[in-house]
């Protein structure tokens, strides 16, 4: 029983010391590549902020592209319906309501 506790303690101590040693080595190496006035932790925070900003910008671009695609799709559908004169048939069928207005009202039910 005591052998297991001893080896468990030795393993925990070794793991702690090794992780601190690796952290110190990594900080020194990072400090070598950063300007003298920047702290290593600040550089990581700045990179995270930059990455977050890029992600937000990408999401905003994606949303605007989807909205633009949808509006273009509705316009093109209306144009095709006018060309094929399907609007008149829809008006008769849907009680005078055409296209998106009829679809929106139908979707609310």
Protein backbone atom coordinates (compact mmCIF):
# COMPACT_ATOMS: atom_id res chain seq x y z
CA UNK A 1 0.00 0.00 0.00
CA UNK A 2 2.73 2.44 0.98
CA UNK A 3 4.71 1.60 -2.16
CA UNK A 4 1.78 2.74 -4.30
CA UNK A 5 1.41 5.98 -2.36
CA UNK A 6 5.15 6.59 -2.64
CA UNK A 7 5.20 6.01 -6.39
CA UNK A 8 2.05 8.09 -6.83
CA UNK A 9 3.69 10.97 -4.95
CA UNK A 10 6.89 10.58 -6.93
CA UNK A 11 4.94 10.60 -10.20
CA UNK A 12 2.95 13.70 -9.22
CA UNK A 13 6.11 15.55 -8.16
CA UNK A 14 7.93 14.57 -11.36
CA UNK A 15 4.99 15.67 -13.50
CA UNK A 16 4.75 19.01 -11.72
CA UNK A 17 8.47 19.72 -11.99
CA UNK A 18 8.54 18.68 -15.66
CA UNK A 19 5.58 20.90 -16.55
CA UNK A 20 7.17 23.90 -14.81
CA UNK A 21 10.47 23.22 -16.60
CA UNK A 22 8.72 23.06 -20.00
CA UNK A 23 6.75 26.23 -19.22
CA UNK A 24 9.94 28.11 -18.30
CA UNK A 25 11.71 26.93 -21.46
CA UNK A 26 8.73 27.94 -23.59
CA UNK A 27 8.53 31.39 -22.00
CA UNK A 28 12.24 31.99 -22.57
CA UNK A 29 12.02 30.90 -26.19
CA UNK A 30 8.93 33.08 -26.75
CA UNK A 31 10.67 36.06 -25.11
CA UNK A 32 13.53 35.65 -27.57
CA UNK A 33 11.20 36.27 -30.54
CA UNK A 34 9.07 39.07 -29.06
CA UNK A 35 9.97 42.75 -28.76
CA UNK A 36 11.52 43.64 -25.41
CA UNK A 37 8.54 45.68 -24.20
CA UNK A 38 5.95 42.90 -24.68
CA UNK A 39 5.23 40.31 -22.06
CA UNK A 40 4.79 36.75 -23.31
CA UNK A 41 1.25 36.46 -21.90
CA UNK A 42 0.22 39.71 -23.53
CA UNK A 43 1.31 38.40 -26.92
CA UNK A 44 -0.96 35.37 -26.51
CA UNK A 45 -3.91 37.58 -25.55
CA UNK A 46 -3.31 39.82 -28.56
CA UNK A 47 -3.23 36.83 -30.90
CA UNK A 48 -6.48 35.54 -29.38
CA UNK A 49 -8.11 38.96 -29.79
CA UNK A 50 -6.96 39.13 -33.40
CA UNK A 51 -8.30 35.65 -34.12
CA UNK A 52 -11.62 36.50 -32.47
CA UNK A 53 -11.88 39.67 -34.56
CA UNK A 54 -11.22 37.73 -37.75
CA UNK A 55 -13.85 35.15 -36.81
CA UNK A 56 -16.44 37.85 -36.13
CA UNK A 57 -15.64 39.56 -39.43
CA UNK A 58 -15.93 36.26 -41.30
CA UNK A 59 -19.31 35.53 -39.72
CA UNK A 60 -20.55 39.02 -40.60
CA UNK A 61 -19.38 38.57 -44.20
CA UNK A 62 -21.11 35.21 -44.39
CA UNK A 63 -24.37 36.63 -43.05
CA UNK A 64 -24.34 39.49 -45.52
CA UNK A 65 -23.60 37.10 -48.38
CA UNK A 66 -26.53 34.88 -47.40
CA UNK A 67 -28.88 37.87 -47.12
CA UNK A 68 -27.74 39.19 -50.50
CA UNK A 69 -28.19 35.75 -52.07
CA UNK A 70 -31.70 35.43 -50.68
CA UNK A 71 -32.77 38.87 -51.88
CA UNK A 72 -31.29 38.21 -55.33
CA UNK A 73 -33.12 34.87 -55.43
CA UNK A 74 -36.46 36.54 -54.63
CA UNK A 75 -35.86 39.22 -57.28
CA UNK A 76 -34.92 36.63 -59.90
CA UNK A 77 -37.96 34.51 -59.06
CA UNK A 78 -40.23 37.54 -59.44
CA UNK A 79 -38.58 38.37 -62.77
CA UNK A 80 -39.07 34.82 -64.05
CA UNK A 81 -42.68 34.79 -62.93
CA UNK A 82 -43.28 38.07 -64.79
CA UNK A 83 -41.66 36.67 -67.91
CA UNK A 84 -43.70 33.48 -67.77
CA UNK A 85 -46.82 35.37 -66.69
CA UNK A 86 -47.30 33.12 -63.69
CA UNK A 87 -48.18 36.05 -61.47
CA UNK A 88 -51.66 36.34 -62.97
CA UNK A 89 -52.42 32.69 -62.26
CA UNK A 90 -51.19 33.03 -58.68
CA UNK A 91 -53.32 36.11 -58.08
CA UNK A 92 -56.40 34.23 -59.12
CA UNK A 93 -55.49 31.20 -57.04
CA UNK A 94 -54.37 33.05 -53.88
CA UNK A 95 -57.02 35.72 -53.64
CA UNK A 96 -55.03 38.62 -55.10
CA UNK A 97 -51.86 37.98 -53.06
CA UNK A 98 -48.68 37.20 -54.95
CA UNK A 99 -45.24 35.76 -54.30
CA UNK A 100 -43.55 36.43 -51.01
CA UNK A 101 -46.57 38.08 -49.38
CA UNK A 102 -48.66 34.96 -49.86
CA UNK A 103 -45.79 32.67 -48.72
CA UNK A 104 -45.17 34.74 -45.57
CA UNK A 105 -48.85 34.73 -44.62
CA UNK A 106 -49.14 31.04 -45.34
CA UNK A 107 -46.06 30.31 -43.20
CA UNK A 108 -47.56 32.07 -40.16
CA UNK A 109 -50.47 29.68 -39.88
